[in-house]
Amino acid sequence: MLYERPARDLMRDAAGDLPLPTSPAAVVDWFARNYPLVKKTTVTAHVKGLASNDPNRHHYSVSKYEPVFTWTRDGRLALYDPDTDLDRIYRCARASDGSGPA
């Protein structure tokens, strides 16, 4: 760990600081300004792994934690809301094992 807290926790700070919805590039820039030792590839992997409806979420180790983001239809990141985004997680989980639609 490069800082006192893991990148997945710092991602929550980024979500709180950035105007949402935001772009993945804005999250990368936020990390570059605030936590420059965290690599861009780490940030992008965490964005995917912590986005509730990312179809590849299950490939990332951080996917076992509660999501931070959800993808909007226009490709931006919105704050995850467990009350409204739960169905999206279910659909992605089903699609990842081939048992249902994305």
Protein backbone atom coordinates (compact mmCIF):
# COMPACT_ATOMS: atom_id res chain seq x y z
CA MET A 1 0.00 0.00 0.00
CA LEU A 2 1.47 3.33 -1.09
CA TYR A 3 -0.63 5.49 1.23
CA GLU A 4 -2.36 5.09 4.60
CA ARG A 5 -5.50 3.79 2.91
CA PRO A 6 -6.00 1.46 -0.05
CA ALA A 7 -6.90 2.85 -3.48
CA ARG A 8 -10.44 1.49 -3.20
CA ASP A 9 -11.05 3.75 -0.17
CA LEU A 10 -9.38 6.70 -1.87
CA MET A 11 -11.77 6.15 -4.79
CA ARG A 12 -14.64 7.08 -2.43
CA ASP A 13 -12.82 10.33 -1.65
CA ALA A 14 -12.52 11.03 -5.37
CA ALA A 15 -16.24 10.41 -5.83
CA GLY A 16 -16.95 12.87 -3.02
CA ASP A 17 -14.67 15.57 -4.42
CA LEU A 18 -15.51 15.38 -8.12
CA PRO A 19 -18.65 16.82 -9.69
CA LEU A 20 -20.79 13.87 -10.71
CA PRO A 21 -21.43 12.48 -13.19
CA THR A 22 -17.79 12.56 -14.21
CA SER A 23 -15.43 10.92 -16.64
CA PRO A 24 -12.89 8.20 -15.92
CA ALA A 25 -10.21 10.68 -17.05
CA ALA A 26 -11.31 13.10 -14.31
CA VAL A 27 -10.85 10.34 -11.72
CA VAL A 28 -7.37 9.60 -13.09
CA ASP A 29 -6.54 13.32 -12.93
CA TRP A 30 -7.85 13.56 -9.36
CA PHE A 31 -5.52 10.74 -8.30
CA ALA A 32 -2.58 12.33 -10.15
CA ARG A 33 -3.11 15.54 -8.18
CA ASN A 34 -3.88 14.03 -4.77
CA TYR A 35 -2.11 10.66 -4.75
CA PRO A 36 0.57 10.77 -7.46
CA LEU A 37 2.15 7.44 -6.52
CA VAL A 38 -1.01 5.55 -7.54
CA LYS A 39 -0.53 4.43 -11.14
CA LYS A 40 -3.02 5.31 -13.86
CA THR A 41 -3.56 1.60 -14.55
CA THR A 42 -4.47 1.04 -10.90
CA VAL A 43 -6.99 3.87 -11.00
CA THR A 44 -8.62 2.66 -14.20
CA ALA A 45 -8.82 -0.90 -12.87
CA HIS A 46 -10.44 0.38 -9.68
CA VAL A 47 -12.95 2.43 -11.68
CA LYS A 48 -14.01 -0.71 -13.55
CA GLY A 49 -13.99 -2.92 -10.48
CA LEU A 50 -15.94 -0.43 -8.39
CA ALA A 51 -18.57 0.40 -11.02
CA SER A 52 -21.72 -1.57 -10.26
CA ASN A 53 -22.75 -2.15 -13.85
CA ASP A 54 -19.40 -2.61 -15.54
CA PRO A 55 -19.67 -5.88 -17.48
CA ASN A 56 -16.06 -6.77 -16.60
CA ARG A 57 -16.35 -5.92 -12.91
CA HIS A 58 -16.05 -9.53 -11.84
CA HIS A 59 -12.49 -9.69 -13.22
CA TYR A 60 -11.18 -7.21 -10.63
CA SER A 61 -10.34 -8.06 -7.04
CA VAL A 62 -12.02 -4.88 -5.75
CA SER A 63 -15.36 -6.09 -7.10
CA LYS A 64 -15.97 -7.86 -3.79
CA TYR A 65 -16.43 -4.44 -2.17
CA GLU A 66 -19.48 -2.22 -2.40
CA PRO A 67 -19.43 -0.25 -5.65
CA VAL A 68 -18.60 3.44 -5.71
CA PHE A 69 -19.81 4.27 -9.20
CA THR A 70 -22.32 3.24 -11.81
CA TRP A 71 -21.93 3.91 -15.53
CA THR A 72 -24.49 6.25 -17.09
CA ARG A 73 -25.85 5.70 -20.58
CA ASP A 74 -23.54 8.38 -21.94
CA GLY A 75 -20.39 6.72 -20.57
CA ARG A 76 -19.87 8.86 -17.48
CA LEU A 77 -19.60 7.79 -13.87
CA ALA A 78 -22.39 8.55 -11.41
CA LEU A 79 -22.41 7.82 -7.71
CA TYR A 80 -23.65 4.32 -6.93
CA ASP A 81 -27.01 4.19 -5.13
CA PRO A 82 -27.79 0.76 -3.64
CA ASP A 83 -31.52 1.48 -3.74
CA THR A 84 -31.67 2.18 -7.47
CA ASP A 85 -28.62 0.40 -8.86
CA LEU A 86 -29.08 -3.04 -7.31
CA ASP A 87 -30.86 -4.40 -10.38
CA ARG A 88 -27.95 -3.34 -12.57
CA ILE A 89 -25.54 -5.39 -10.44
CA TYR A 90 -27.80 -8.42 -10.76
CA ARG A 91 -27.99 -8.11 -14.54
CA CYS A 92 -24.22 -7.75 -14.84
CA ALA A 93 -23.63 -10.76 -12.59
CA ARG A 94 -26.00 -12.85 -14.66
CA ALA A 95 -24.44 -11.71 -17.90
CA SER A 96 -20.90 -12.49 -16.68
CA ASP A 97 -21.68 -16.19 -16.38
CA GLY A 98 -23.69 -16.30 -19.61
CA SER A 99 -27.00 -17.07 -17.92
CA GLY A 100 -28.87 -13.93 -18.86
CA PRO A 101 -28.90 -10.66 -20.73
CA ALA A 102 -26.53 -7.82 -19.96
